[in-house]
Amino acid sequence: MTSPVPADDTGTDGTTTGRDVRAKLLDAVERMAGDDYKLPRLAFSLREIAREVGIATPSIYRHFSSKEDLISAAVDTGFTLLLREIDQAVQECTDQEPPAVLRAQAAAYCRFLYRRRGLTRIMFATHPANWQPDEPLPDHLGQLRYRWITAVETCQKQGWRIPAEITTAADAVWAGVHGCLTLALVMRNSSEEALLAHVAAQFEFWPTT
């Protein structure tokens, strides 16, 4: 659980609100996580984060109890924004056929994570310390998986022949889409347009009847 932000907190200039400083700290973590030179397994320190924001290191503790607390807040922020992007994309396709909705969801997923690669690294490189693989997924991943399951299930109801059990098929779709994203991030010369085209092409192999 992240630490509360005091309503009357200020930054070093005496004018920045505590909520602004908190947002700047989260932005700094994302920036640093997206920098290959600053991210050997999220090894940057609170001192480096404070320097990035331009505040004294002890000021961080007014917003977050530890580096882990700060990273956890960044993870929560990332998944909240990602789920919002997906839901908006799906809502805009409600009057179209389910395959279009699934493609729109996949495109929103890749577009957000491609543009916010610092957040992507944090979101998928960390997990609760007490989580075990045989237990239910953490809430944010569970919500994300539910959206893939719902999208695939809707396609099946509209006539798509799904070649596996729904959850298995949904996991395969998610893995395939995320794999395209990972390749695009590894191949530095891969553009966003090329990534989205590659993702869209994945669905051409699905039988529709």
C-alpha atoms as a PDB file:
ATOM      1  CA  MET A   1       0.000   0.000   0.000  1.00  0.00           C
ATOM      2  CA  THR A   2       1.335   3.406  -0.959  1.00  0.00           C
ATOM      3  CA  SER A   3       1.823   6.199   1.541  1.00  0.00           C
ATOM      4  CA  PRO A   4      -0.722   9.031   1.802  1.00  0.00           C
ATOM      5  CA  VAL A   5       0.254  12.487   0.562  1.00  0.00           C
ATOM      6  CA  PRO A   6       0.000  15.311   3.108  1.00  0.00           C
ATOM      7  CA  ALA A   7      -2.365  17.967   1.773  1.00  0.00           C
ATOM      8  CA  ASP A   8      -0.103  20.858   2.817  1.00  0.00           C
ATOM      9  CA  ASP A   9       3.189  19.373   1.621  1.00  0.00           C
ATOM     10  CA  THR A  10       5.470  21.549  -0.519  1.00  0.00           C
ATOM     11  CA  GLY A  11       8.578  21.049  -2.622  1.00  0.00           C
ATOM     12  CA  THR A  12      11.933  22.677  -2.121  1.00  0.00           C
ATOM     13  CA  ASP A  13      10.789  25.915  -3.775  1.00  0.00           C
ATOM     14  CA  GLY A  14       8.005  26.332  -1.229  1.00  0.00           C
ATOM     15  CA  THR A  15       5.301  26.438  -3.912  1.00  0.00           C
ATOM     16  CA  THR A  16       4.968  22.966  -5.410  1.00  0.00           C
ATOM     17  CA  THR A  17       2.194  20.951  -3.814  1.00  0.00           C
ATOM     18  CA  GLY A  18       2.772  17.519  -2.358  1.00  0.00           C
ATOM     19  CA  ARG A  19       0.609  15.952  -5.031  1.00  0.00           C
ATOM     20  CA  ASP A  20       2.764  17.596  -7.713  1.00  0.00           C
ATOM     21  CA  VAL A  21       5.937  16.236  -6.106  1.00  0.00           C
ATOM     22  CA  ARG A  22       4.407  12.772  -5.909  1.00  0.00           C
ATOM     23  CA  ALA A  23       3.513  12.917  -9.610  1.00  0.00           C
ATOM     24  CA  LYS A  24       7.020  14.109 -10.467  1.00  0.00           C
ATOM     25  CA  LEU A  25       8.528  11.214  -8.529  1.00  0.00           C
ATOM     26  CA  LEU A  26       6.384   8.728 -10.457  1.00  0.00           C
ATOM     27  CA  ASP A  27       7.304  10.424 -13.741  1.00  0.00           C
ATOM     28  CA  ALA A  28      10.994  10.249 -12.802  1.00  0.00           C
ATOM     29  CA  VAL A  29      10.785   6.526 -12.096  1.00  0.00           C
ATOM     30  CA  GLU A  30       9.165   5.974 -15.485  1.00  0.00           C
ATOM     31  CA  ARG A  31      11.813   8.068 -17.267  1.00  0.00           C
ATOM     32  CA  MET A  32      14.672   6.292 -15.512  1.00  0.00           C
ATOM     33  CA  ALA A  33      13.168   2.874 -16.169  1.00  0.00           C
ATOM     34  CA  GLY A  34      13.024   3.731 -19.858  1.00  0.00           C
ATOM     35  CA  ASP A  35      16.713   4.657 -19.928  1.00  0.00           C
ATOM     36  CA  ASP A  36      18.892   1.649 -20.721  1.00  0.00           C
ATOM     37  CA  TYR A  37      21.811   3.254 -18.952  1.00  0.00           C
ATOM     38  CA  LYS A  38      19.892   3.825 -15.736  1.00  0.00           C
ATOM     39  CA  LEU A  39      18.089   0.517 -15.499  1.00  0.00           C
ATOM     40  CA  PRO A  40      20.124  -2.522 -14.559  1.00  0.00           C
ATOM     41  CA  ARG A  41      17.087  -4.317 -13.100  1.00  0.00           C
ATOM     42  CA  LEU A  42      15.563  -1.201 -11.539  1.00  0.00           C
ATOM     43  CA  ALA A  43      18.782  -0.688  -9.612  1.00  0.00           C
ATOM     44  CA  PHE A  44      18.590   3.099  -9.373  1.00  0.00           C
ATOM     45  CA  SER A  45      18.461   4.495  -5.846  1.00  0.00           C
ATOM     46  CA  LEU A  46      16.149   6.904  -4.071  1.00  0.00           C
ATOM     47  CA  ARG A  47      18.996   9.409  -4.145  1.00  0.00           C
ATOM     48  CA  GLU A  48      19.136   9.197  -7.943  1.00  0.00           C
ATOM     49  CA  ILE A  49      15.355   9.552  -8.178  1.00  0.00           C
ATOM     50  CA  ALA A  50      15.450  12.612  -5.916  1.00  0.00           C
ATOM     51  CA  ARG A  51      18.202  14.113  -8.059  1.00  0.00           C
ATOM     52  CA  GLU A  52      16.131  13.484 -11.182  1.00  0.00           C
ATOM     53  CA  VAL A  53      13.201  15.396  -9.667  1.00  0.00           C
ATOM     54  CA  GLY A  54      15.347  18.087  -8.058  1.00  0.00           C
ATOM     55  CA  ILE A  55      14.438  17.517  -4.419  1.00  0.00           C
ATOM     56  CA  ALA A  56      16.303  16.375  -1.333  1.00  0.00           C
ATOM     57  CA  THR A  57      16.305  12.608  -0.798  1.00  0.00           C
ATOM     58  CA  PRO A  58      14.544  12.789   2.616  1.00  0.00           C
ATOM     59  CA  SER A  59      11.631  14.599   0.926  1.00  0.00           C
ATOM     60  CA  ILE A  60      10.705  11.367  -0.834  1.00  0.00           C
ATOM     61  CA  TYR A  61       9.672   9.860   2.497  1.00  0.00           C
ATOM     62  CA  ARG A  62       6.893  12.423   2.780  1.00  0.00           C
ATOM     63  CA  HIS A  63       5.257  10.640  -0.155  1.00  0.00           C
ATOM     64  CA  PHE A  64       6.550   7.068  -0.141  1.00  0.00           C
ATOM     65  CA  SER A  65       7.819   4.950   2.727  1.00  0.00           C
ATOM     66  CA  SER A  66      10.468   3.197   0.611  1.00  0.00           C
ATOM     67  CA  LYS A  67      11.706   2.629  -2.913  1.00  0.00           C
ATOM     68  CA  GLU A  68       9.475  -0.453  -3.066  1.00  0.00           C
ATOM     69  CA  ASP A  69       6.495   1.711  -2.142  1.00  0.00           C
ATOM     70  CA  LEU A  70       7.350   4.129  -4.951  1.00  0.00           C
ATOM     71  CA  ILE A  71       7.771   1.334  -7.503  1.00  0.00           C
ATOM     72  CA  SER A  72       4.483  -0.215  -6.366  1.00  0.00           C
ATOM     73  CA  ALA A  73       2.715   3.106  -6.925  1.00  0.00           C
ATOM     74  CA  ALA A  74       4.236   3.310 -10.419  1.00  0.00           C
ATOM     75  CA  VAL A  75       2.964  -0.198 -11.179  1.00  0.00           C
ATOM     76  CA  ASP A  76      -0.533   0.694  -9.964  1.00  0.00           C
ATOM     77  CA  THR A  77      -0.506   3.885 -12.021  1.00  0.00           C
ATOM     78  CA  GLY A  78       0.649   2.050 -15.134  1.00  0.00           C
ATOM     79  CA  PHE A  79      -2.026  -0.636 -15.017  1.00  0.00           C
ATOM     80  CA  THR A  80      -4.751   1.880 -14.183  1.00  0.00           C
ATOM     81  CA  LEU A  81      -3.837   3.938 -17.252  1.00  0.00           C
ATOM     82  CA  LEU A  82      -3.474   0.854 -19.459  1.00  0.00           C
ATOM     83  CA  LEU A  83      -6.859  -0.557 -18.474  1.00  0.00           C
ATOM     84  CA  ARG A  84      -8.436   2.849 -19.095  1.00  0.00           C
ATOM     85  CA  GLU A  85      -6.925   2.973 -22.604  1.00  0.00           C
ATOM     86  CA  ILE A  86      -8.169  -0.536 -23.385  1.00  0.00           C
ATOM     87  CA  ASP A  87     -11.675   0.159 -22.089  1.00  0.00           C
ATOM     88  CA  GLN A  88     -11.900   3.344 -24.128  1.00  0.00           C
ATOM     89  CA  ALA A  89     -10.760   1.562 -27.299  1.00  0.00           C
ATOM     90  CA  VAL A  90     -13.316  -1.206 -26.772  1.00  0.00           C
ATOM     91  CA  GLN A  91     -16.095   1.276 -26.032  1.00  0.00           C
ATOM     92  CA  GLU A  92     -15.406   3.077 -29.300  1.00  0.00           C
ATOM     93  CA  CYS A  93     -15.864  -0.240 -31.172  1.00  0.00           C
ATOM     94  CA  THR A  94     -19.077  -1.429 -29.523  1.00  0.00           C
ATOM     95  CA  ASP A  95     -21.053  -1.110 -32.774  1.00  0.00           C
ATOM     96  CA  GLN A  96     -18.560  -3.205 -34.758  1.00  0.00           C
ATOM     97  CA  GLU A  97     -17.991  -6.924 -35.112  1.00  0.00           C
ATOM     98  CA  PRO A  98     -16.122  -8.650 -32.212  1.00  0.00           C
ATOM     99  CA  PRO A  99     -12.931  -9.260 -34.248  1.00  0.00           C
ATOM    100  CA  ALA A 100     -12.643  -5.485 -34.694  1.00  0.00           C
ATOM    101  CA  VAL A 101     -13.077  -5.019 -30.966  1.00  0.00           C
ATOM    102  CA  LEU A 102     -10.347  -7.559 -30.234  1.00  0.00           C
ATOM    103  CA  ARG A 103      -8.010  -5.879 -32.701  1.00  0.00           C
ATOM    104  CA  ALA A 104      -8.745  -2.495 -31.169  1.00  0.00           C
ATOM    105  CA  GLN A 105      -7.975  -3.864 -27.712  1.00  0.00           C
ATOM    106  CA  ALA A 106      -4.708  -5.355 -28.918  1.00  0.00           C
ATOM    107  CA  ALA A 107      -3.761  -2.092 -30.639  1.00  0.00           C
ATOM    108  CA  ALA A 108      -4.542  -0.037 -27.518  1.00  0.00           C
ATOM    109  CA  TYR A 109      -2.481  -2.440 -25.401  1.00  0.00           C
ATOM    110  CA  CYS A 110       0.558  -2.234 -27.668  1.00  0.00           C
ATOM    111  CA  ARG A 111       0.265   1.478 -28.364  1.00  0.00           C
ATOM    112  CA  PHE A 112       0.220   2.392 -24.680  1.00  0.00           C
ATOM    113  CA  LEU A 113       3.052   0.077 -23.663  1.00  0.00           C
ATOM    114  CA  TYR A 114       5.175   1.019 -26.690  1.00  0.00           C
ATOM    115  CA  ARG A 115       4.872   4.715 -25.924  1.00  0.00           C
ATOM    116  CA  ARG A 116       5.332   4.243 -22.188  1.00  0.00           C
ATOM    117  CA  ARG A 117       8.190   1.762 -22.276  1.00  0.00           C
ATOM    118  CA  GLY A 118       9.563   2.921 -18.935  1.00  0.00           C
ATOM    119  CA  LEU A 119       6.258   2.015 -17.301  1.00  0.00           C
ATOM    120  CA  THR A 120       6.172  -1.218 -19.302  1.00  0.00           C
ATOM    121  CA  ARG A 121       9.464  -2.329 -17.799  1.00  0.00           C
ATOM    122  CA  ILE A 122       8.277  -1.563 -14.286  1.00  0.00           C
ATOM    123  CA  MET A 123       4.810  -3.092 -14.719  1.00  0.00           C
ATOM    124  CA  PHE A 124       6.039  -6.411 -16.058  1.00  0.00           C
ATOM    125  CA  ALA A 125       9.365  -6.671 -14.236  1.00  0.00           C
ATOM    126  CA  THR A 126       7.878  -6.530 -10.749  1.00  0.00           C
ATOM    127  CA  HIS A 127       5.296  -8.485  -8.799  1.00  0.00           C
ATOM    128  CA  PRO A 128       4.275  -8.761  -5.154  1.00  0.00           C
ATOM    129  CA  ALA A 129       7.031 -10.375  -3.109  1.00  0.00           C
ATOM    130  CA  ASN A 130       4.602 -12.836  -1.532  1.00  0.00           C
ATOM    131  CA  TRP A 131       2.903 -13.919  -4.766  1.00  0.00           C
ATOM    132  CA  GLN A 132       3.348 -17.536  -5.837  1.00  0.00           C
ATOM    133  CA  PRO A 133       2.809 -18.787  -9.422  1.00  0.00           C
ATOM    134  CA  ASP A 134       0.146 -21.290  -8.321  1.00  0.00           C
ATOM    135  CA  GLU A 135      -1.947 -18.526  -6.717  1.00  0.00           C
ATOM    136  CA  PRO A 136      -4.449 -16.201  -8.438  1.00  0.00           C
ATOM    137  CA  LEU A 137      -2.875 -13.363 -10.401  1.00  0.00           C
ATOM    138  CA  PRO A 138      -2.360 -10.033  -8.645  1.00  0.00           C
ATOM    139  CA  ASP A 139      -5.423  -7.825  -9.073  1.00  0.00           C
ATOM    140  CA  HIS A 140      -4.099  -5.622 -11.886  1.00  0.00           C
ATOM    141  CA  LEU A 141      -2.958  -8.605 -13.961  1.00  0.00           C
ATOM    142  CA  GLY A 142      -6.220 -10.397 -13.174  1.00  0.00           C
ATOM    143  CA  GLN A 143      -8.211  -7.439 -14.501  1.00  0.00           C
ATOM    144  CA  LEU A 144      -6.096  -7.343 -17.628  1.00  0.00           C
ATOM    145  CA  ARG A 145      -6.509 -11.072 -18.228  1.00  0.00           C
ATOM    146  CA  TYR A 146     -10.271 -10.758 -17.707  1.00  0.00           C
ATOM    147  CA  ARG A 147     -10.431  -8.281 -20.591  1.00  0.00           C
ATOM    148  CA  TRP A 148      -8.663 -10.690 -22.932  1.00  0.00           C
ATOM    149  CA  ILE A 149     -10.976 -13.512 -21.863  1.00  0.00           C
ATOM    150  CA  THR A 150     -14.054 -11.344 -22.388  1.00  0.00           C
ATOM    151  CA  ALA A 151     -12.900 -10.248 -25.842  1.00  0.00           C
ATOM    152  CA  VAL A 152     -12.192 -13.807 -27.019  1.00  0.00           C
ATOM    153  CA  GLU A 153     -15.427 -15.107 -25.514  1.00  0.00           C
ATOM    154  CA  THR A 154     -17.382 -12.424 -27.361  1.00  0.00           C
ATOM    155  CA  CYS A 155     -15.750 -13.459 -30.622  1.00  0.00           C
ATOM    156  CA  GLN A 156     -16.751 -17.073 -30.025  1.00  0.00           C
ATOM    157  CA  LYS A 157     -20.375 -16.087 -29.369  1.00  0.00           C
ATOM    158  CA  GLN A 158     -20.411 -14.224 -32.686  1.00  0.00           C
ATOM    159  CA  GLY A 159     -19.235 -17.199 -34.732  1.00  0.00           C
ATOM    160  CA  TRP A 160     -15.467 -17.327 -34.413  1.00  0.00           C
ATOM    161  CA  ARG A 161     -14.215 -20.885 -34.026  1.00  0.00           C
ATOM    162  CA  ILE A 162     -11.843 -20.722 -31.067  1.00  0.00           C
ATOM    163  CA  PRO A 163      -9.389 -23.669 -31.287  1.00  0.00           C
ATOM    164  CA  ALA A 164      -9.037 -24.058 -27.522  1.00  0.00           C
ATOM    165  CA  GLU A 165     -10.767 -23.498 -24.201  1.00  0.00           C
ATOM    166  CA  ILE A 166     -11.615 -19.798 -23.764  1.00  0.00           C
ATOM    167  CA  THR A 167      -9.086 -18.949 -21.054  1.00  0.00           C
ATOM    168  CA  THR A 168      -6.343 -20.865 -22.866  1.00  0.00           C
ATOM    169  CA  ALA A 169      -7.128 -19.074 -26.110  1.00  0.00           C
ATOM    170  CA  ALA A 170      -7.226 -15.703 -24.332  1.00  0.00           C
ATOM    171  CA  ASP A 171      -3.849 -16.361 -22.725  1.00  0.00           C
ATOM    172  CA  ALA A 172      -2.454 -17.322 -26.136  1.00  0.00           C
ATOM    173  CA  VAL A 173      -3.779 -14.095 -27.681  1.00  0.00           C
ATOM    174  CA  TRP A 174      -2.348 -12.022 -24.845  1.00  0.00           C
ATOM    175  CA  ALA A 175       1.017 -13.800 -25.091  1.00  0.00           C
ATOM    176  CA  GLY A 176       1.129 -13.313 -28.855  1.00  0.00           C
ATOM    177  CA  VAL A 177       0.290  -9.627 -28.661  1.00  0.00           C
ATOM    178  CA  HIS A 178       2.768  -9.043 -25.850  1.00  0.00           C
ATOM    179  CA  GLY A 179       5.380 -10.985 -27.788  1.00  0.00           C
ATOM    180  CA  CYS A 180       4.953  -8.629 -30.742  1.00  0.00           C
ATOM    181  CA  LEU A 181       5.400  -5.713 -28.365  1.00  0.00           C
ATOM    182  CA  THR A 182       8.532  -7.209 -26.815  1.00  0.00           C
ATOM    183  CA  LEU A 183      10.098  -7.763 -30.223  1.00  0.00           C
ATOM    184  CA  ALA A 184       9.317  -4.186 -31.209  1.00  0.00           C
ATOM    185  CA  LEU A 185      10.988  -2.872 -28.067  1.00  0.00           C
ATOM    186  CA  VAL A 186      14.053  -5.077 -28.590  1.00  0.00           C
ATOM    187  CA  MET A 187      14.364  -4.109 -32.255  1.00  0.00           C
ATOM    188  CA  ARG A 188      15.131  -0.428 -31.787  1.00  0.00           C
ATOM    189  CA  ASN A 189      14.343   0.440 -35.417  1.00  0.00           C
ATOM    190  CA  SER A 190      10.808  -0.966 -35.228  1.00  0.00           C
ATOM    191  CA  SER A 191       8.211   1.808 -35.511  1.00  0.00           C
ATOM    192  CA  GLU A 192       4.856   1.996 -33.769  1.00  0.00           C
ATOM    193  CA  GLU A 193       3.120   1.629 -37.138  1.00  0.00           C
ATOM    194  CA  ALA A 194       5.067  -1.548 -37.911  1.00  0.00           C
ATOM    195  CA  LEU A 195       4.204  -2.944 -34.477  1.00  0.00           C
ATOM    196  CA  LEU A 196       0.468  -2.309 -34.906  1.00  0.00           C
ATOM    197  CA  ALA A 197       0.496  -3.836 -38.392  1.00  0.00           C
ATOM    198  CA  HIS A 198       2.272  -6.913 -37.058  1.00  0.00           C
ATOM    199  CA  VAL A 199      -0.264  -7.257 -34.257  1.00  0.00           C
ATOM    200  CA  ALA A 200      -3.217  -6.905 -36.623  1.00  0.00           C
ATOM    201  CA  ALA A 201      -1.749  -9.603 -38.865  1.00  0.00           C
ATOM    202  CA  GLN A 202      -1.789 -12.102 -36.003  1.00  0.00           C
ATOM    203  CA  PHE A 203      -5.574 -12.313 -36.161  1.00  0.00           C
ATOM    204  CA  GLU A 204      -5.651 -13.209 -39.857  1.00  0.00           C
ATOM    205  CA  PHE A 205      -4.700 -16.769 -38.910  1.00  0.00           C
ATOM    206  CA  TRP A 206      -7.810 -17.246 -36.789  1.00  0.00           C
ATOM    207  CA  PRO A 207     -10.643 -19.224 -38.415  1.00  0.00           C
ATOM    208  CA  THR A 208     -13.913 -17.290 -38.394  1.00  0.00           C
ATOM    209  CA  THR A 209     -16.377 -20.141 -38.776  1.00  0.00           C
END
